[in-house]
Amino acid sequence: MMTITLEIDPSAFSALRLSPAEFAQEMRIAAAVQWYAQGVVSQGKAAELAGLTRADFLGELYRRQVPACQVTVEEMVDEIRGA
């Protein structure tokens, strides 16, 4: 596993009312949700990056109001029609 080190001003922790460990976990989840929403990573890979099970990641998507399904209605209709 690779470790990434960031320098964060201590005021960020107090502003968000998070411990450094909670802040780090929140950053992992936020990044994974954003990359999933952008279509950069799959749901499974995003869950792995977030350090969550897929079910827990789906819960995070729900809490953050990010659609769990990244397929558009048009894409779904095309797939149903066999295009």
PDB file of N, CA and C in Angstrom:
ATOM      1  N   MET A   1       0.849  -1.174   0.000  1.00  0.00           N
ATOM      2  CA  MET A   1       0.000   0.000   0.000  1.00  0.00           C
ATOM      3  C   MET A   1       0.892   1.234   0.000  1.00  0.00           C
ATOM      4  N   MET A   2       0.462   2.269  -0.694  1.00  0.00           N
ATOM      5  CA  MET A   2       1.210   3.509  -0.777  1.00  0.00           C
ATOM      6  C   MET A   2       0.667   4.508   0.244  1.00  0.00           C
ATOM      7  N   THR A   3       1.541   5.301   0.803  1.00  0.00           N
ATOM      8  CA  THR A   3       1.152   6.338   1.745  1.00  0.00           C
ATOM      9  C   THR A   3       1.378   7.695   1.096  1.00  0.00           C
ATOM     10  N   ILE A   4       0.391   8.574   1.225  1.00  0.00           N
ATOM     11  CA  ILE A   4       0.491   9.940   0.717  1.00  0.00           C
ATOM     12  C   ILE A   4       0.462  10.874   1.922  1.00  0.00           C
ATOM     13  N   THR A   5       1.382  11.798   1.960  1.00  0.00           N
ATOM     14  CA  THR A   5       1.468  12.735   3.076  1.00  0.00           C
ATOM     15  C   THR A   5       1.056  14.120   2.597  1.00  0.00           C
ATOM     16  N   LEU A   6       0.150  14.743   3.342  1.00  0.00           N
ATOM     17  CA  LEU A   6      -0.299  16.102   3.041  1.00  0.00           C
ATOM     18  C   LEU A   6      -0.031  16.990   4.238  1.00  0.00           C
ATOM     19  N   GLU A   7       0.318  18.223   3.972  1.00  0.00           N
ATOM     20  CA  GLU A   7       0.463  19.191   5.049  1.00  0.00           C
ATOM     21  C   GLU A   7      -0.831  19.995   5.115  1.00  0.00           C
ATOM     22  N   ILE A   8      -1.533  19.863   6.228  1.00  0.00           N
ATOM     23  CA  ILE A   8      -2.817  20.525   6.439  1.00  0.00           C
ATOM     24  C   ILE A   8      -2.702  21.419   7.661  1.00  0.00           C
ATOM     25  N   ASP A   9      -3.145  22.657   7.525  1.00  0.00           N
ATOM     26  CA  ASP A   9      -3.135  23.568   8.661  1.00  0.00           C
ATOM     27  C   ASP A   9      -4.072  23.020   9.735  1.00  0.00           C
ATOM     28  N   PRO A  10      -3.641  22.994  10.984  1.00  0.00           N
ATOM     29  CA  PRO A  10      -4.483  22.452  12.071  1.00  0.00           C
ATOM     30  C   PRO A  10      -5.855  23.105  12.175  1.00  0.00           C
ATOM     31  N   SER A  11      -6.001  24.326  11.710  1.00  0.00           N
ATOM     32  CA  SER A  11      -7.299  24.997  11.786  1.00  0.00           C
ATOM     33  C   SER A  11      -8.354  24.282  10.939  1.00  0.00           C
ATOM     34  N   ALA A  12      -7.917  23.553   9.909  1.00  0.00           N
ATOM     35  CA  ALA A  12      -8.872  22.816   9.075  1.00  0.00           C
ATOM     36  C   ALA A  12      -9.592  21.752   9.892  1.00  0.00           C
ATOM     37  N   PHE A  13      -8.874  21.102  10.803  1.00  0.00           N
ATOM     38  CA  PHE A  13      -9.485  20.058  11.616  1.00  0.00           C
ATOM     39  C   PHE A  13     -10.541  20.642  12.550  1.00  0.00           C
ATOM     40  N   SER A  14     -10.209  21.762  13.162  1.00  0.00           N
ATOM     41  CA  SER A  14     -11.175  22.370  14.082  1.00  0.00           C
ATOM     42  C   SER A  14     -12.355  22.967  13.330  1.00  0.00           C
ATOM     43  N   ALA A  15     -12.110  23.513  12.138  1.00  0.00           N
ATOM     44  CA  ALA A  15     -13.205  24.082  11.353  1.00  0.00           C
ATOM     45  C   ALA A  15     -14.215  23.009  10.968  1.00  0.00           C
ATOM     46  N   LEU A  16     -13.726  21.824  10.650  1.00  0.00           N
ATOM     47  CA  LEU A  16     -14.608  20.725  10.259  1.00  0.00           C
ATOM     48  C   LEU A  16     -15.011  19.862  11.452  1.00  0.00           C
ATOM     49  N   ARG A  17     -14.434  20.151  12.601  1.00  0.00           N
ATOM     50  CA  ARG A  17     -14.711  19.388  13.826  1.00  0.00           C
ATOM     51  C   ARG A  17     -14.413  17.896  13.646  1.00  0.00           C
ATOM     52  N   LEU A  18     -13.259  17.643  13.031  1.00  0.00           N
ATOM     53  CA  LEU A  18     -12.817  16.276  12.794  1.00  0.00           C
ATOM     54  C   LEU A  18     -11.419  16.091  13.355  1.00  0.00           C
ATOM     55  N   SER A  19     -11.158  14.886  13.814  1.00  0.00           N
ATOM     56  CA  SER A  19      -9.790  14.549  14.216  1.00  0.00           C
ATOM     57  C   SER A  19      -8.975  14.352  12.936  1.00  0.00           C
ATOM     58  N   PRO A  20      -7.665  14.362  13.011  1.00  0.00           N
ATOM     59  CA  PRO A  20      -6.865  14.103  11.808  1.00  0.00           C
ATOM     60  C   PRO A  20      -7.226  12.784  11.118  1.00  0.00           C
ATOM     61  N   ALA A  21      -7.480  11.745  11.887  1.00  0.00           N
ATOM     62  CA  ALA A  21      -7.845  10.447  11.295  1.00  0.00           C
ATOM     63  C   ALA A  21      -9.201  10.532  10.590  1.00  0.00           C
ATOM     64  N   GLU A  22     -10.157  11.212  11.224  1.00  0.00           N
ATOM     65  CA  GLU A  22     -11.479  11.383  10.600  1.00  0.00           C
ATOM     66  C   GLU A  22     -11.376  12.242   9.341  1.00  0.00           C
ATOM     67  N   PHE A  23     -10.532  13.258   9.388  1.00  0.00           N
ATOM     68  CA  PHE A  23     -10.311  14.128   8.234  1.00  0.00           C
ATOM     69  C   PHE A  23      -9.742  13.326   7.059  1.00  0.00           C
ATOM     70  N   ALA A  24      -8.761  12.485   7.339  1.00  0.00           N
ATOM     71  CA  ALA A  24      -8.150  11.655   6.294  1.00  0.00           C
ATOM     72  C   ALA A  24      -9.186  10.718   5.677  1.00  0.00           C
ATOM     73  N   GLN A  25     -10.009  10.088   6.503  1.00  0.00           N
ATOM     74  CA  GLN A  25     -11.048   9.189   5.983  1.00  0.00           C
ATOM     75  C   GLN A  25     -12.067   9.964   5.151  1.00  0.00           C
ATOM     76  N   GLU A  26     -12.451  11.148   5.615  1.00  0.00           N
ATOM     77  CA  GLU A  26     -13.392  11.981   4.868  1.00  0.00           C
ATOM     78  C   GLU A  26     -12.814  12.372   3.508  1.00  0.00           C
ATOM     79  N   MET A  27     -11.525  12.675   3.462  1.00  0.00           N
ATOM     80  CA  MET A  27     -10.883  13.016   2.190  1.00  0.00           C
ATOM     81  C   MET A  27     -10.920  11.823   1.232  1.00  0.00           C
ATOM     82  N   ARG A  28     -10.650  10.631   1.745  1.00  0.00           N
ATOM     83  CA  ARG A  28     -10.682   9.429   0.896  1.00  0.00           C
ATOM     84  C   ARG A  28     -12.074   9.221   0.312  1.00  0.00           C
ATOM     85  N   ILE A  29     -13.078   9.336   1.174  1.00  0.00           N
ATOM     86  CA  ILE A  29     -14.451   9.109   0.721  1.00  0.00           C
ATOM     87  C   ILE A  29     -14.870  10.190  -0.264  1.00  0.00           C
ATOM     88  N   ALA A  30     -14.590  11.446   0.057  1.00  0.00           N
ATOM     89  CA  ALA A  30     -14.978  12.555  -0.820  1.00  0.00           C
ATOM     90  C   ALA A  30     -14.334  12.425  -2.196  1.00  0.00           C
ATOM     91  N   ALA A  31     -13.065  12.058  -2.224  1.00  0.00           N
ATOM     92  CA  ALA A  31     -12.371  11.888  -3.505  1.00  0.00           C
ATOM     93  C   ALA A  31     -12.988  10.740  -4.298  1.00  0.00           C
ATOM     94  N   ALA A  32     -13.243   9.626  -3.636  1.00  0.00           N
ATOM     95  CA  ALA A  32     -13.821   8.468  -4.327  1.00  0.00           C
ATOM     96  C   ALA A  32     -15.210   8.785  -4.872  1.00  0.00           C
ATOM     97  N   VAL A  33     -16.024   9.476  -4.093  1.00  0.00           N
ATOM     98  CA  VAL A  33     -17.376   9.866  -4.548  1.00  0.00           C
ATOM     99  C   VAL A  33     -17.265  10.784  -5.759  1.00  0.00           C
ATOM    100  N   GLN A  34     -16.368  11.763  -5.697  1.00  0.00           N
ATOM    101  CA  GLN A  34     -16.201  12.703  -6.807  1.00  0.00           C
ATOM    102  C   GLN A  34     -15.740  11.984  -8.073  1.00  0.00           C
ATOM    103  N   TRP A  35     -14.743  11.112  -7.945  1.00  0.00           N
ATOM    104  CA  TRP A  35     -14.243  10.388  -9.114  1.00  0.00           C
ATOM    105  C   TRP A  35     -15.308   9.456  -9.682  1.00  0.00           C
ATOM    106  N   TYR A  36     -16.113   8.851  -8.815  1.00  0.00           N
ATOM    107  CA  TYR A  36     -17.206   8.008  -9.296  1.00  0.00           C
ATOM    108  C   TYR A  36     -18.238   8.856 -10.031  1.00  0.00           C
ATOM    109  N   ALA A  37     -18.609  10.002  -9.457  1.00  0.00           N
ATOM    110  CA  ALA A  37     -19.605  10.883 -10.071  1.00  0.00           C
ATOM    111  C   ALA A  37     -19.139  11.384 -11.434  1.00  0.00           C
ATOM    112  N   GLN A  38     -17.844  11.570 -11.596  1.00  0.00           N
ATOM    113  CA  GLN A  38     -17.279  12.028 -12.864  1.00  0.00           C
ATOM    114  C   GLN A  38     -17.115  10.894 -13.868  1.00  0.00           C
ATOM    115  N   GLY A  39     -17.330   9.661 -13.415  1.00  0.00           N
ATOM    116  CA  GLY A  39     -17.173   8.513 -14.298  1.00  0.00           C
ATOM    117  C   GLY A  39     -15.731   8.077 -14.487  1.00  0.00           C
ATOM    118  N   VAL A  40     -14.842   8.535 -13.619  1.00  0.00           N
ATOM    119  CA  VAL A  40     -13.426   8.196 -13.719  1.00  0.00           C
ATOM    120  C   VAL A  40     -13.159   6.780 -13.223  1.00  0.00           C
ATOM    121  N   VAL A  41     -13.887   6.364 -12.176  1.00  0.00           N
ATOM    122  CA  VAL A  41     -13.707   5.024 -11.612  1.00  0.00           C
ATOM    123  C   VAL A  41     -15.062   4.331 -11.479  1.00  0.00           C
ATOM    124  N   SER A  42     -15.015   3.023 -11.446  1.00  0.00           N
ATOM    125  CA  SER A  42     -16.230   2.230 -11.260  1.00  0.00           C
ATOM    126  C   SER A  42     -16.680   2.304  -9.805  1.00  0.00           C
ATOM    127  N   GLN A  43     -17.880   1.824  -9.564  1.00  0.00           N
ATOM    128  CA  GLN A  43     -18.423   1.801  -8.206  1.00  0.00           C
ATOM    129  C   GLN A  43     -17.551   0.943  -7.286  1.00  0.00           C
ATOM    130  N   GLY A  44     -17.143  -0.207  -7.764  1.00  0.00           N
ATOM    131  CA  GLY A  44     -16.303  -1.098  -6.962  1.00  0.00           C
ATOM    132  C   GLY A  44     -14.951  -0.487  -6.644  1.00  0.00           C
ATOM    133  N   LYS A  45     -14.323   0.142  -7.648  1.00  0.00           N
ATOM    134  CA  LYS A  45     -13.020   0.771  -7.440  1.00  0.00           C
ATOM    135  C   LYS A  45     -13.158   1.964  -6.495  1.00  0.00           C
ATOM    136  N   ALA A  46     -14.229   2.734  -6.637  1.00  0.00           N
ATOM    137  CA  ALA A  46     -14.459   3.878  -5.749  1.00  0.00           C
ATOM    138  C   ALA A  46     -14.614   3.409  -4.305  1.00  0.00           C
ATOM    139  N   ALA A  47     -15.348   2.333  -4.098  1.00  0.00           N
ATOM    140  CA  ALA A  47     -15.511   1.781  -2.749  1.00  0.00           C
ATOM    141  C   ALA A  47     -14.158   1.379  -2.183  1.00  0.00           C
ATOM    142  N   GLU A  48     -13.346   0.737  -3.001  1.00  0.00           N
ATOM    143  CA  GLU A  48     -12.008   0.318  -2.570  1.00  0.00           C
ATOM    144  C   GLU A  48     -11.150   1.534  -2.208  1.00  0.00           C
ATOM    145  N   LEU A  49     -11.163   2.572  -3.049  1.00  0.00           N
ATOM    146  CA  LEU A  49     -10.396   3.787  -2.777  1.00  0.00           C
ATOM    147  C   LEU A  49     -10.866   4.470  -1.497  1.00  0.00           C
ATOM    148  N   ALA A  50     -12.167   4.400  -1.244  1.00  0.00           N
ATOM    149  CA  ALA A  50     -12.739   5.023  -0.045  1.00  0.00           C
ATOM    150  C   ALA A  50     -12.473   4.204   1.213  1.00  0.00           C
ATOM    151  N   GLY A  51     -12.046   2.952   1.035  1.00  0.00           N
ATOM    152  CA  GLY A  51     -11.833   2.081   2.191  1.00  0.00           C
ATOM    153  C   GLY A  51     -13.136   1.568   2.766  1.00  0.00           C
ATOM    154  N   LEU A  52     -14.146   1.429   1.894  1.00  0.00           N
ATOM    155  CA  LEU A  52     -15.481   0.999   2.323  1.00  0.00           C
ATOM    156  C   LEU A  52     -15.895  -0.254   1.575  1.00  0.00           C
ATOM    157  N   THR A  53     -16.870  -0.965   2.124  1.00  0.00           N
ATOM    158  CA  THR A  53     -17.502  -2.032   1.354  1.00  0.00           C
ATOM    159  C   THR A  53     -18.342  -1.359   0.276  1.00  0.00           C
ATOM    160  N   ARG A  54     -18.721  -2.115  -0.722  1.00  0.00           N
ATOM    161  CA  ARG A  54     -19.556  -1.533  -1.784  1.00  0.00           C
ATOM    162  C   ARG A  54     -20.894  -1.070  -1.216  1.00  0.00           C
ATOM    163  N   ALA A  55     -21.462  -1.822  -0.299  1.00  0.00           N
ATOM    164  CA  ALA A  55     -22.736  -1.442   0.316  1.00  0.00           C
ATOM    165  C   ALA A  55     -22.591  -0.125   1.082  1.00  0.00           C
ATOM    166  N   ASP A  56     -21.509   0.009   1.839  1.00  0.00           N
ATOM    167  CA  ASP A  56     -21.281   1.254   2.577  1.00  0.00           C
ATOM    168  C   ASP A  56     -21.036   2.421   1.619  1.00  0.00           C
ATOM    169  N   PHE A  57     -20.348   2.158   0.507  1.00  0.00           N
ATOM    170  CA  PHE A  57     -20.126   3.213  -0.482  1.00  0.00           C
ATOM    171  C   PHE A  57     -21.456   3.668  -1.081  1.00  0.00           C
ATOM    172  N   LEU A  58     -22.352   2.722  -1.361  1.00  0.00           N
ATOM    173  CA  LEU A  58     -23.678   3.087  -1.864  1.00  0.00           C
ATOM    174  C   LEU A  58     -24.410   3.969  -0.856  1.00  0.00           C
ATOM    175  N   GLY A  59     -24.236   3.670   0.431  1.00  0.00           N
ATOM    176  CA  GLY A  59     -24.811   4.502   1.474  1.00  0.00           C
ATOM    177  C   GLY A  59     -24.247   5.913   1.453  1.00  0.00           C
ATOM    178  N   GLU A  60     -22.943   6.024   1.209  1.00  0.00           N
ATOM    179  CA  GLU A  60     -22.315   7.354   1.102  1.00  0.00           C
ATOM    180  C   GLU A  60     -22.859   8.108  -0.104  1.00  0.00           C
ATOM    181  N   LEU A  61     -23.037   7.422  -1.219  1.00  0.00           N
ATOM    182  CA  LEU A  61     -23.615   8.081  -2.399  1.00  0.00           C
ATOM    183  C   LEU A  61     -24.996   8.618  -2.068  1.00  0.00           C
ATOM    184  N   TYR A  62     -25.790   7.829  -1.377  1.00  0.00           N
ATOM    185  CA  TYR A  62     -27.140   8.252  -0.995  1.00  0.00           C
ATOM    186  C   TYR A  62     -27.090   9.479  -0.087  1.00  0.00           C
ATOM    187  N   ARG A  63     -26.234   9.425   0.931  1.00  0.00           N
ATOM    188  CA  ARG A  63     -26.125  10.552   1.875  1.00  0.00           C
ATOM    189  C   ARG A  63     -25.660  11.830   1.190  1.00  0.00           C
ATOM    190  N   ARG A  64     -24.821  11.681   0.173  1.00  0.00           N
ATOM    191  CA  ARG A  64     -24.268  12.842  -0.528  1.00  0.00           C
ATOM    192  C   ARG A  64     -25.090  13.211  -1.766  1.00  0.00           C
ATOM    193  N   GLN A  65     -26.202  12.523  -1.942  1.00  0.00           N
ATOM    194  CA  GLN A  65     -27.136  12.784  -3.047  1.00  0.00           C
ATOM    195  C   GLN A  65     -26.463  12.666  -4.422  1.00  0.00           C
ATOM    196  N   VAL A  66     -25.641  11.625  -4.557  1.00  0.00           N
ATOM    197  CA  VAL A  66     -24.984  11.312  -5.828  1.00  0.00           C
ATOM    198  C   VAL A  66     -25.647  10.063  -6.381  1.00  0.00           C
ATOM    199  N   PRO A  67     -26.144  10.111  -7.611  1.00  0.00           N
ATOM    200  CA  PRO A  67     -26.809   8.932  -8.179  1.00  0.00           C
ATOM    201  C   PRO A  67     -25.884   7.715  -8.211  1.00  0.00           C
ATOM    202  N   ALA A  68     -26.407   6.589  -7.779  1.00  0.00           N
ATOM    203  CA  ALA A  68     -25.635   5.350  -7.782  1.00  0.00           C
ATOM    204  C   ALA A  68     -25.535   4.762  -9.177  1.00  0.00           C
ATOM    205  N   CYS A  69     -26.483   5.092 -10.021  1.00  0.00           N
ATOM    206  CA  CYS A  69     -26.497   4.594 -11.401  1.00  0.00           C
ATOM    207  C   CYS A  69     -25.956   5.689 -12.308  1.00  0.00           C
ATOM    208  N   GLN A  70     -24.909   5.383 -13.040  1.00  0.00           N
ATOM    209  CA  GLN A  70     -24.278   6.373 -13.907  1.00  0.00           C
ATOM    210  C   GLN A  70     -24.715   6.237 -15.369  1.00  0.00           C
ATOM    211  N   VAL A  71     -25.757   5.467 -15.616  1.00  0.00           N
ATOM    212  CA  VAL A  71     -26.266   5.267 -16.977  1.00  0.00           C
ATOM    213  C   VAL A  71     -27.402   6.249 -17.217  1.00  0.00           C
ATOM    214  N   THR A  72     -27.363   6.921 -18.365  1.00  0.00           N
ATOM    215  CA  THR A  72     -28.441   7.851 -18.695  1.00  0.00           C
ATOM    216  C   THR A  72     -29.653   7.082 -19.196  1.00  0.00           C
ATOM    217  N   VAL A  73     -30.796   7.726 -19.204  1.00  0.00           N
ATOM    218  CA  VAL A  73     -32.026   7.105 -19.698  1.00  0.00           C
ATOM    219  C   VAL A  73     -31.842   6.718 -21.162  1.00  0.00           C
ATOM    220  N   GLU A  74     -31.212   7.591 -21.931  1.00  0.00           N
ATOM    221  CA  GLU A  74     -30.991   7.306 -23.355  1.00  0.00           C
ATOM    222  C   GLU A  74     -30.125   6.064 -23.551  1.00  0.00           C
ATOM    223  N   GLU A  75     -29.069   5.931 -22.741  1.00  0.00           N
ATOM    224  CA  GLU A  75     -28.204   4.757 -22.828  1.00  0.00           C
ATOM    225  C   GLU A  75     -28.968   3.489 -22.462  1.00  0.00           C
ATOM    226  N   MET A  76     -29.837   3.596 -21.473  1.00  0.00           N
ATOM    227  CA  MET A  76     -30.632   2.446 -21.048  1.00  0.00           C
ATOM    228  C   MET A  76     -31.599   2.037 -22.163  1.00  0.00           C
ATOM    229  N   VAL A  77     -32.259   3.011 -22.784  1.00  0.00           N
ATOM    230  CA  VAL A  77     -33.202   2.724 -23.879  1.00  0.00           C
ATOM    231  C   VAL A  77     -32.452   2.082 -25.033  1.00  0.00           C
ATOM    232  N   ASP A  78     -31.278   2.604 -25.388  1.00  0.00           N
ATOM    233  CA  ASP A  78     -30.473   2.035 -26.473  1.00  0.00           C
ATOM    234  C   ASP A  78     -30.093   0.587 -26.162  1.00  0.00           C
ATOM    235  N   GLU A  79     -29.731   0.326 -24.910  1.00  0.00           N
ATOM    236  CA  GLU A  79     -29.348  -1.035 -24.532  1.00  0.00           C
ATOM    237  C   GLU A  79     -30.535  -1.980 -24.610  1.00  0.00           C
ATOM    238  N   ILE A  80     -31.705  -1.522 -24.176  1.00  0.00           N
ATOM    239  CA  ILE A  80     -32.910  -2.340 -24.230  1.00  0.00           C
ATOM    240  C   ILE A  80     -33.275  -2.649 -25.669  1.00  0.00           C
ATOM    241  N   ARG A  81     -33.116  -1.679 -26.543  1.00  0.00           N
ATOM    242  CA  ARG A  81     -33.441  -1.853 -27.965  1.00  0.00           C
ATOM    243  C   ARG A  81     -32.377  -2.648 -28.710  1.00  0.00           C
ATOM    244  N   GLY A  82     -31.258  -2.943 -28.038  1.00  0.00           N
ATOM    245  CA  GLY A  82     -30.230  -3.740 -28.651  1.00  0.00           C
ATOM    246  C   GLY A  82     -29.271  -2.956 -29.524  1.00  0.00           C
ATOM    247  N   ALA A  83     -29.197  -1.666 -29.307  1.00  0.00           N
ATOM    248  CA  ALA A  83     -28.311  -0.833 -30.133  1.00  0.00           C
ATOM    249  C   ALA A  83     -26.866  -1.005 -29.759  1.00  0.00           C
TER     250      ALA A  83
END
